[in-house]
Amino acid sequence: MREAEYDRTRLGQFLAGEARADGLTRRGLMRLSAGVGLGVAAGAAIGGAAAPALAADPPILKPLPPDLFTAFGTNAETKWESLRGTGHLVPVDRFFVRNHTLTPRIDPDAWRLRLFGTGLRGAPTAGAPVEISYRQLRRLPSDTVTAAIECAGNGRSFFTSQQGQAVSGTAWKLGAIGVARWTGVRLSTVLKHAGLSREAVDVQPVGLDPNFVSGGVDLGPVRRPLPIEKALHDVLLAYEMNGEPLPPDHGFPVRVVVPHWIGISSIKWLGQLEVSAEPIFSPWNTQFYRLFGPTYPVDGELVSRQTVKSAFELPWEATLSAGRQTLRGRSWSGNGRIRRVEVSTDGRTWRPARAIGHGHAWQRWELPWHPAPGTYTLRARAADVAGVTQPDTVPHNTLGYLFGAVVRHPVTVV
């Protein structure tokens, strides 16, 4: 099931009194529909503000050298030039970080995954929830997938710099994405182990990071439901990243990996799974991660699959030498594989780039270039298997999600 279809179904059920909004009342949703107070609350949420009591630890534990990252407080963006020559997977030391509060320190020996809810057999009369230890989880049959995780706001800054439109949130360029090889246990395996019932409709992963506070309101831990169809299809509970145990900033000891869906679905530091026979919402798909703007419904539209994007493996405003150059970059899409990539160096004509390696999760590419001294604006555009091609502009939304237009990358040749 696609996210947009899921959202339309759940919203209709909620308005008809057939779904539960975890953390949001019907009146609250109606206030959001009317746009009352949305900008302040959502803007604070995207910025990742934490309660004052959470300031004892830094929000990100791993080193953030300036040649690898642009730091945004609770978030850190990968610099594209740091990926040149790294191969298909993003090394852990330069994988972007998106935190709502801060990275928790979790003892794997004490960690338990708690499964509960009306979607398990015998619920709600069965009593204690099912608990799985870290050691028990690692004994279950494992699987490995290569998948991208991308923040829904990746590319947000270009709404302002290219389209002249104001947006709220972290001013990402294109570095809020990473591709890794994730190893863990299929969520379907864990659900069947816990006793999944035929009545289950939603599964809600809940993180162990500190509660998120927005506008003075404690919204609890980060959580976002999935339809049972998606949960049983390709979702992974990962405990390894690129062949090593998950680092703390990327979800240790266990995180959710939801291929093709936006990054907020891939909950880090997993602690609970609510399995529900009743449709549910959470603040992370009602109050946040929705598209609001003149071309969207008054109650917003759920942020769905990511758009097609392309990035050069170059510094922003790079300085290059005249003569023979090889431009390299990567393109990707939430719809699946990339079919073709074209590059323009003169603002008028487009040349096909040569694909490098396989195209799973994203496609690497290169193009020879022989520039004379001067200033240039490089452009790359991709088309995916669904026939979607990057446009010159995209519709504005106030929270700056899903920017997928062609990015104008300035360089100087000397």
Protein backbone atom coordinates (compact mmCIF):
# COMPACT_ATOMS: atom_id res chain seq x y z
CA MET A 1 0.00 0.00 0.00
CA ARG A 2 1.32 3.47 -0.92
CA GLU A 3 1.53 6.14 1.77
CA ALA A 4 -0.89 8.51 0.05
CA GLU A 5 -3.53 5.81 -0.32
CA TYR A 6 -3.03 4.81 3.30
CA ASP A 7 -3.41 8.41 4.44
CA ARG A 8 -6.64 9.01 2.51
CA THR A 9 -8.14 5.83 3.92
CA ARG A 10 -7.15 6.55 7.53
CA LEU A 11 -8.23 10.20 7.39
CA GLY A 12 -11.66 9.22 6.10
CA GLN A 13 -11.96 6.60 8.85
CA PHE A 14 -10.92 9.09 11.51
CA LEU A 15 -13.41 11.74 10.37
CA ALA A 16 -16.11 9.05 10.40
CA GLY A 17 -15.20 8.09 13.96
CA GLU A 18 -13.66 4.77 12.88
CA ALA A 19 -9.99 5.47 13.69
CA ARG A 20 -8.01 6.59 16.73
CA ALA A 21 -5.61 9.53 16.54
CA ASP A 22 -2.85 8.74 19.02
CA GLY A 23 -1.92 12.08 20.54
CA LEU A 24 -4.37 14.20 18.53
CA THR A 25 -8.06 14.81 19.16
CA ARG A 26 -10.69 15.25 16.48
CA ARG A 27 -10.91 18.90 17.50
CA GLY A 28 -7.15 19.19 17.14
CA LEU A 29 -7.26 17.79 13.64
CA MET A 30 -10.04 20.20 12.74
CA ARG A 31 -7.88 23.07 14.02
CA LEU A 32 -5.08 21.84 11.79
CA SER A 33 -7.49 21.62 8.89
CA ALA A 34 -8.36 25.27 9.43
CA GLY A 35 -4.66 26.15 9.62
CA VAL A 36 -4.92 27.52 13.18
CA GLY A 37 -1.51 27.64 14.82
CA LEU A 38 0.01 25.17 12.39
CA GLY A 39 3.03 27.17 11.30
CA VAL A 40 4.45 27.67 14.78
CA ALA A 41 3.96 24.12 15.99
CA ALA A 42 5.16 22.45 12.82
CA GLY A 43 8.10 24.80 12.40
CA ALA A 44 9.29 23.99 15.91
CA ALA A 45 8.89 20.31 15.23
CA ILE A 46 10.97 20.34 12.09
CA GLY A 47 13.74 22.23 13.84
CA GLY A 48 14.05 19.42 16.37
CA ALA A 49 13.76 21.55 19.54
CA ALA A 50 14.26 19.54 22.73
CA ALA A 51 13.08 20.06 26.27
CA PRO A 52 15.69 21.93 28.39
CA ALA A 53 16.23 18.86 30.57
CA LEU A 54 17.63 16.99 27.56
CA ALA A 55 20.67 19.26 27.19
CA ALA A 56 23.09 17.13 29.28
CA ASP A 57 24.25 15.10 26.25
CA PRO A 58 25.03 16.44 22.78
CA PRO A 59 22.19 15.68 20.33
CA ILE A 60 24.58 13.71 18.07
CA LEU A 61 27.33 11.52 19.51
CA LYS A 62 29.57 10.79 16.52
CA PRO A 63 32.19 13.30 15.30
CA LEU A 64 30.92 15.85 12.77
CA PRO A 65 34.05 17.12 10.98
CA PRO A 66 33.24 20.12 8.76
CA ASP A 67 34.71 18.44 5.68
CA LEU A 68 32.06 15.71 5.97
CA PHE A 69 29.00 17.44 7.46
CA THR A 70 27.02 20.62 7.72
CA ALA A 71 25.71 20.64 11.30
CA PHE A 72 22.21 21.87 12.18
CA GLY A 73 22.04 21.29 15.94
CA THR A 74 20.10 18.03 16.27
CA ASN A 75 20.73 17.22 12.59
CA ALA A 76 23.80 16.77 10.38
CA GLU A 77 23.83 16.87 6.58
CA THR A 78 26.30 14.87 4.49
CA LYS A 79 28.45 16.99 2.20
CA TRP A 80 28.23 15.57 -1.30
CA GLU A 81 31.93 16.01 -2.05
CA SER A 82 32.65 13.57 0.81
CA LEU A 83 30.95 10.77 -1.17
CA ARG A 84 33.26 11.00 -4.17
CA GLY A 85 35.10 7.69 -4.47
CA THR A 86 33.18 5.97 -1.64
CA GLY A 87 31.31 3.46 -3.81
CA HIS A 88 27.63 2.61 -3.70
CA LEU A 89 27.13 2.60 0.08
CA VAL A 90 27.54 5.65 2.29
CA PRO A 91 30.19 4.99 4.97
CA VAL A 92 28.80 5.21 8.47
CA ASP A 93 31.15 8.05 9.42
CA ARG A 94 29.49 10.32 6.83
CA PHE A 95 25.88 9.07 6.90
CA PHE A 96 23.49 11.96 7.64
CA VAL A 97 21.75 12.24 11.03
CA ARG A 98 18.17 13.31 11.67
CA ASN A 99 17.21 13.52 15.36
CA HIS A 100 14.05 14.97 16.85
CA THR A 101 15.70 15.34 20.25
CA LEU A 102 19.02 13.59 20.96
CA THR A 103 20.71 10.24 20.53
CA PRO A 104 19.97 8.04 23.56
CA ARG A 105 22.50 5.68 25.14
CA ILE A 106 20.90 2.21 25.37
CA ASP A 107 22.25 -0.93 27.04
CA PRO A 108 21.57 -3.84 24.65
CA ASP A 109 21.53 -6.34 27.52
CA ALA A 110 18.69 -4.44 29.17
CA TRP A 111 16.86 -3.63 25.92
CA ARG A 112 13.52 -5.31 25.27
CA LEU A 113 11.21 -4.98 22.29
CA ARG A 114 7.67 -4.84 23.68
CA LEU A 115 4.80 -5.92 21.39
CA PHE A 116 1.24 -5.26 22.48
CA GLY A 117 -2.19 -4.27 21.21
CA THR A 118 -5.53 -5.48 19.99
CA GLY A 119 -4.01 -6.86 16.79
CA LEU A 120 -2.30 -9.74 18.60
CA ARG A 121 -4.04 -13.04 19.25
CA GLY A 122 -5.78 -13.14 22.62
CA ALA A 123 -5.63 -9.36 23.06
CA PRO A 124 -6.75 -7.51 25.06
CA THR A 125 -7.40 -10.31 27.57
CA ALA A 126 -4.06 -12.06 27.21
CA GLY A 127 -2.39 -9.97 29.93
CA ALA A 128 1.31 -9.18 29.63
CA PRO A 129 2.69 -8.02 26.28
CA VAL A 130 5.19 -10.07 24.31
CA GLU A 131 8.83 -9.09 24.95
CA ILE A 132 11.87 -9.98 22.86
CA SER A 133 15.45 -9.42 24.05
CA TYR A 134 18.29 -8.30 21.81
CA ARG A 135 19.84 -11.76 21.98
CA GLN A 136 16.53 -13.43 21.11
CA LEU A 137 15.98 -11.08 18.18
CA ARG A 138 19.41 -11.88 16.73
CA ARG A 139 18.60 -15.61 16.91
CA LEU A 140 15.60 -15.19 14.59
CA PRO A 141 16.09 -15.72 10.82
CA SER A 142 17.92 -12.71 9.40
CA ASP A 143 17.72 -10.83 6.13
CA THR A 144 19.82 -8.13 4.46
CA VAL A 145 18.57 -5.30 2.24
CA THR A 146 20.23 -2.33 0.58
CA ALA A 147 17.96 0.65 1.04
CA ALA A 148 17.99 4.42 1.12
CA ILE A 149 16.78 6.46 4.06
CA GLU A 150 15.94 10.06 3.18
CA CYS A 151 14.51 12.89 5.24
CA ALA A 152 11.21 14.18 3.83
CA GLY A 153 12.68 17.70 3.87
CA ASN A 154 15.77 16.85 1.83
CA GLY A 155 16.34 19.72 -0.61
CA ARG A 156 14.14 22.09 1.45
CA SER A 157 16.49 25.11 1.12
CA PHE A 158 15.92 25.23 -2.65
CA PHE A 159 12.29 26.27 -2.19
CA THR A 160 13.77 29.56 -0.97
CA SER A 161 17.03 29.87 -2.95
CA GLN A 162 15.58 28.78 -6.32
CA GLN A 163 11.86 29.47 -6.08
CA GLY A 164 11.83 32.44 -3.68
CA GLN A 165 9.34 30.76 -1.31
CA ALA A 166 9.46 30.79 2.49
CA VAL A 167 9.43 27.43 4.28
CA SER A 168 9.89 26.17 7.84
CA GLY A 169 12.49 23.67 9.00
CA THR A 170 16.09 22.57 8.65
CA ALA A 171 17.67 24.13 5.56
CA TRP A 172 18.89 20.90 3.97
CA LYS A 173 20.47 21.02 0.53
CA LEU A 174 20.55 17.44 -0.89
CA GLY A 175 22.61 15.64 1.76
CA ALA A 176 19.80 14.32 3.97
CA ILE A 177 19.92 10.90 2.33
CA GLY A 178 22.07 7.81 2.72
CA VAL A 179 22.17 4.31 1.28
CA ALA A 180 23.34 1.44 3.47
CA ARG A 181 23.24 -2.34 3.70
CA TRP A 182 20.91 -3.16 6.59
CA THR A 183 20.80 -6.56 8.31
CA GLY A 184 18.13 -7.64 10.75
CA VAL A 185 14.86 -9.50 11.10
CA ARG A 186 11.80 -9.03 8.92
CA LEU A 187 9.02 -7.28 10.81
CA SER A 188 6.69 -9.96 9.48
CA THR A 189 8.77 -12.61 11.26
CA VAL A 190 8.56 -10.76 14.58
CA LEU A 191 4.81 -10.14 14.24
CA LYS A 192 4.10 -13.79 13.49
CA HIS A 193 6.35 -14.81 16.39
CA ALA A 194 4.28 -12.56 18.70
CA GLY A 195 0.95 -13.98 17.49
CA LEU A 196 -0.42 -11.66 14.80
CA SER A 197 -4.20 -11.85 14.48
CA ARG A 198 -6.24 -11.54 11.31
CA GLU A 199 -7.87 -8.42 12.73
CA ALA A 200 -4.63 -6.38 12.76
CA VAL A 201 -4.73 -3.32 10.47
CA ASP A 202 -1.91 -1.07 11.72
CA VAL A 203 1.52 -1.46 13.34
CA GLN A 204 3.01 1.53 15.16
CA PRO A 205 6.76 1.47 15.97
CA VAL A 206 7.70 3.65 18.95
CA GLY A 207 11.20 5.03 19.56
CA LEU A 208 13.19 5.17 22.79
CA ASP A 209 14.57 8.67 22.23
CA PRO A 210 13.47 11.34 24.73
CA ASN A 211 9.94 12.70 24.37
CA PHE A 212 9.53 15.39 21.75
CA VAL A 213 8.26 18.79 22.91
CA SER A 214 6.74 21.23 20.41
CA GLY A 215 5.23 24.59 21.33
CA GLY A 216 5.39 23.65 25.00
CA VAL A 217 3.38 20.46 24.42
CA ASP A 218 4.92 17.07 25.23
CA LEU A 219 3.99 14.84 22.30
CA GLY A 220 5.69 11.75 23.69
CA PRO A 221 8.18 9.52 21.89
CA VAL A 222 8.54 9.60 18.11
CA ARG A 223 6.15 7.11 16.53
CA ARG A 224 4.39 6.62 13.20
CA PRO A 225 2.01 3.83 12.14
CA LEU A 226 2.30 1.54 9.15
CA PRO A 227 -0.51 -0.40 7.45
CA ILE A 228 -0.29 -4.12 8.07
CA GLU A 229 0.19 -4.70 4.32
CA LYS A 230 3.42 -2.70 4.32
CA ALA A 231 4.56 -4.13 7.66
CA LEU A 232 4.31 -7.65 6.28
CA HIS A 233 5.83 -6.81 2.89
CA ASP A 234 9.40 -5.47 3.15
CA VAL A 235 9.96 -3.77 6.52
CA LEU A 236 13.11 -4.75 8.41
CA LEU A 237 14.06 -4.47 12.09
CA ALA A 238 17.75 -3.77 11.55
CA TYR A 239 20.58 -4.32 14.03
CA GLU A 240 23.50 -3.97 11.60
CA MET A 241 24.52 -1.23 9.17
CA ASN A 242 27.11 -1.95 6.48
CA GLY A 243 28.13 -5.16 8.25
CA GLU A 244 28.65 -3.65 11.72
CA PRO A 245 26.33 -3.18 14.73
CA LEU A 246 24.19 -0.08 14.37
CA PRO A 247 25.97 3.03 15.68
CA PRO A 248 24.06 4.95 18.38
CA ASP A 249 23.19 7.88 16.09
CA HIS A 250 21.62 5.50 13.58
CA GLY A 251 19.37 3.58 15.93
CA PHE A 252 21.37 1.21 18.15
CA PRO A 253 20.43 -1.40 19.16
CA VAL A 254 17.50 -1.81 16.69
CA ARG A 255 15.83 0.47 14.18
CA VAL A 256 13.05 0.12 11.64
CA VAL A 257 13.93 0.29 7.93
CA VAL A 258 10.94 0.98 5.66
CA PRO A 259 12.09 0.84 2.02
CA HIS A 260 10.68 3.50 -0.35
CA TRP A 261 8.79 5.40 2.37
CA ILE A 262 9.99 8.71 3.83
CA GLY A 263 12.65 8.64 6.53
CA ILE A 264 10.36 9.35 9.51
CA SER A 265 8.80 5.90 8.95
CA SER A 266 12.16 4.26 9.72
CA ILE A 267 11.93 4.80 13.50
CA LYS A 268 15.29 4.68 15.32
CA TRP A 269 15.94 3.15 18.76
CA LEU A 270 12.90 0.91 18.50
CA GLY A 271 11.33 0.07 21.86
CA GLN A 272 7.70 -0.83 21.22
CA LEU A 273 5.44 -2.14 18.49
CA GLU A 274 1.74 -1.48 18.94
CA VAL A 275 -0.23 -3.91 16.80
CA SER A 276 -3.74 -2.55 16.44
CA ALA A 277 -7.04 -3.92 15.17
CA GLU A 278 -8.19 -0.29 15.02
CA PRO A 279 -6.86 2.25 12.51
CA ILE A 280 -4.56 4.79 14.21
CA PHE A 281 -2.90 8.12 13.57
CA SER A 282 -0.02 9.78 15.43
CA PRO A 283 1.25 13.39 15.51
CA TRP A 284 3.90 12.29 13.00
CA ASN A 285 1.38 11.76 10.22
CA THR A 286 -1.32 14.23 11.27
CA GLN A 287 0.36 17.30 12.75
CA PHE A 288 3.77 16.87 11.09
CA TYR A 289 4.88 15.44 7.75
CA ARG A 290 1.92 16.78 5.84
CA LEU A 291 1.80 19.03 2.79
CA PHE A 292 0.05 22.35 3.38
CA GLY A 293 -0.21 25.05 0.77
CA PRO A 294 -2.40 26.63 -1.90
CA THR A 295 -2.48 23.51 -4.10
CA TYR A 296 -3.23 21.03 -1.28
CA PRO A 297 -6.43 20.15 0.63
CA VAL A 298 -7.23 22.29 3.67
CA ASP A 299 -6.42 19.36 6.00
CA GLY A 300 -3.17 18.76 4.18
CA GLU A 301 -1.86 15.74 2.33
CA LEU A 302 0.43 13.11 3.81
CA VAL A 303 4.04 13.32 2.72
CA SER A 304 4.29 10.29 0.48
CA ARG A 305 7.06 8.63 -1.51
CA GLN A 306 10.09 10.74 -2.18
CA THR A 307 10.50 12.60 -5.44
CA VAL A 308 13.20 12.12 -8.09
CA LYS A 309 16.44 13.92 -7.21
CA SER A 310 19.97 14.29 -8.56
CA ALA A 311 23.13 15.61 -6.93
CA PHE A 312 26.70 16.28 -8.06
CA GLU A 313 29.57 14.92 -5.95
CA LEU A 314 30.98 18.43 -5.72
CA PRO A 315 31.22 21.13 -3.07
CA TRP A 316 28.58 23.82 -3.28
CA GLU A 317 30.11 26.70 -5.28
CA ALA A 318 33.03 24.42 -6.18
CA THR A 319 36.20 25.69 -7.84
CA LEU A 320 37.51 23.41 -10.64
CA SER A 321 40.49 23.49 -12.96
CA ALA A 322 40.05 24.25 -16.66
CA GLY A 323 40.54 21.37 -19.04
CA ARG A 324 39.56 17.75 -18.68
CA GLN A 325 37.08 17.03 -15.87
CA THR A 326 34.78 14.16 -15.01
CA LEU A 327 31.51 15.18 -13.37
CA ARG A 328 30.09 12.53 -11.07
CA GLY A 329 26.86 12.31 -9.15
CA ARG A 330 23.93 10.19 -8.00
CA SER A 331 20.20 10.13 -8.76
CA TRP A 332 17.38 8.40 -6.92
CA SER A 333 13.59 8.15 -6.64
CA GLY A 334 11.02 6.81 -4.22
CA ASN A 335 9.34 5.12 -7.19
CA GLY A 336 12.25 2.76 -7.82
CA ARG A 337 15.15 2.57 -10.24
CA ILE A 338 16.49 5.43 -12.34
CA ARG A 339 16.16 4.91 -16.10
CA ARG A 340 18.29 7.79 -17.38
CA VAL A 341 20.24 10.85 -16.23
CA GLU A 342 21.03 13.94 -18.28
CA VAL A 343 23.46 16.75 -17.45
CA SER A 344 23.55 20.34 -18.68
CA THR A 345 26.66 22.50 -18.30
CA ASP A 346 25.56 25.44 -20.48
CA GLY A 347 21.94 25.98 -19.42
CA ARG A 348 20.62 25.06 -22.89
CA THR A 349 21.60 21.55 -23.97
CA TRP A 350 21.46 18.19 -22.19
CA ARG A 351 23.83 15.23 -22.55
CA PRO A 352 23.23 11.68 -21.30
CA ALA A 353 25.37 10.65 -18.35
CA ARG A 354 26.95 7.19 -18.17
CA ALA A 355 25.60 4.91 -15.44
CA ILE A 356 28.13 3.47 -12.97
CA GLY A 357 27.41 0.16 -11.24
CA HIS A 358 23.97 -1.16 -10.38
CA GLY A 359 21.01 1.11 -9.74
CA HIS A 360 19.61 -0.32 -6.52
CA ALA A 361 18.50 2.45 -4.09
CA TRP A 362 20.24 5.08 -6.23
CA GLN A 363 22.18 5.34 -9.47
CA ARG A 364 25.75 6.63 -9.69
CA TRP A 365 26.74 8.31 -12.96
CA GLU A 366 29.49 10.32 -14.66
CA LEU A 367 30.02 12.66 -17.59
CA PRO A 368 33.25 13.99 -19.19
CA TRP A 369 33.54 17.79 -19.38
CA HIS A 370 36.19 20.10 -20.84
CA PRO A 371 35.40 23.58 -19.51
CA ALA A 372 37.20 26.85 -20.18
CA PRO A 373 37.72 29.32 -17.32
CA GLY A 374 34.50 31.02 -16.21
CA THR A 375 31.40 30.60 -14.05
CA TYR A 376 28.92 27.83 -14.74
CA THR A 377 25.67 26.47 -13.43
CA LEU A 378 25.53 22.69 -13.57
CA ARG A 379 22.21 20.87 -13.78
CA ALA A 380 21.36 17.18 -13.58
CA ARG A 381 17.95 15.64 -14.12
CA ALA A 382 16.81 12.04 -13.89
CA ALA A 383 13.83 9.98 -15.00
CA ASP A 384 12.67 6.93 -13.06
CA VAL A 385 10.96 3.65 -13.95
CA ALA A 386 7.54 5.23 -13.41
CA GLY A 387 8.28 7.79 -16.12
CA VAL A 388 8.67 10.68 -13.68
CA THR A 389 11.29 13.26 -14.71
CA GLN A 390 12.59 16.08 -12.56
CA PRO A 391 10.80 19.34 -13.41
CA ASP A 392 12.17 22.89 -13.36
CA THR A 393 9.93 23.89 -10.42
CA VAL A 394 7.70 22.10 -7.90
CA PRO A 395 4.53 23.17 -6.05
CA HIS A 396 5.20 25.08 -2.85
CA ASN A 397 4.32 23.67 0.57
CA THR A 398 4.87 25.62 3.76
CA LEU A 399 7.01 22.98 5.49
CA GLY A 400 9.31 22.47 2.54
CA TYR A 401 8.86 18.75 1.88
CA LEU A 402 9.55 16.72 -1.28
CA PHE A 403 11.62 19.21 -3.26
CA GLY A 404 12.29 17.41 -6.54
CA ALA A 405 13.06 20.12 -9.09
CA VAL A 406 16.35 20.30 -10.98
CA VAL A 407 18.94 21.90 -8.69
CA ARG A 408 21.16 24.63 -10.10
CA HIS A 409 24.70 23.90 -8.83
CA PRO A 410 27.16 26.85 -9.19
CA VAL A 411 30.83 26.21 -10.00
CA THR A 412 33.80 28.35 -10.99
CA VAL A 413 36.45 27.11 -13.40
CA VAL A 414 39.95 28.65 -13.20
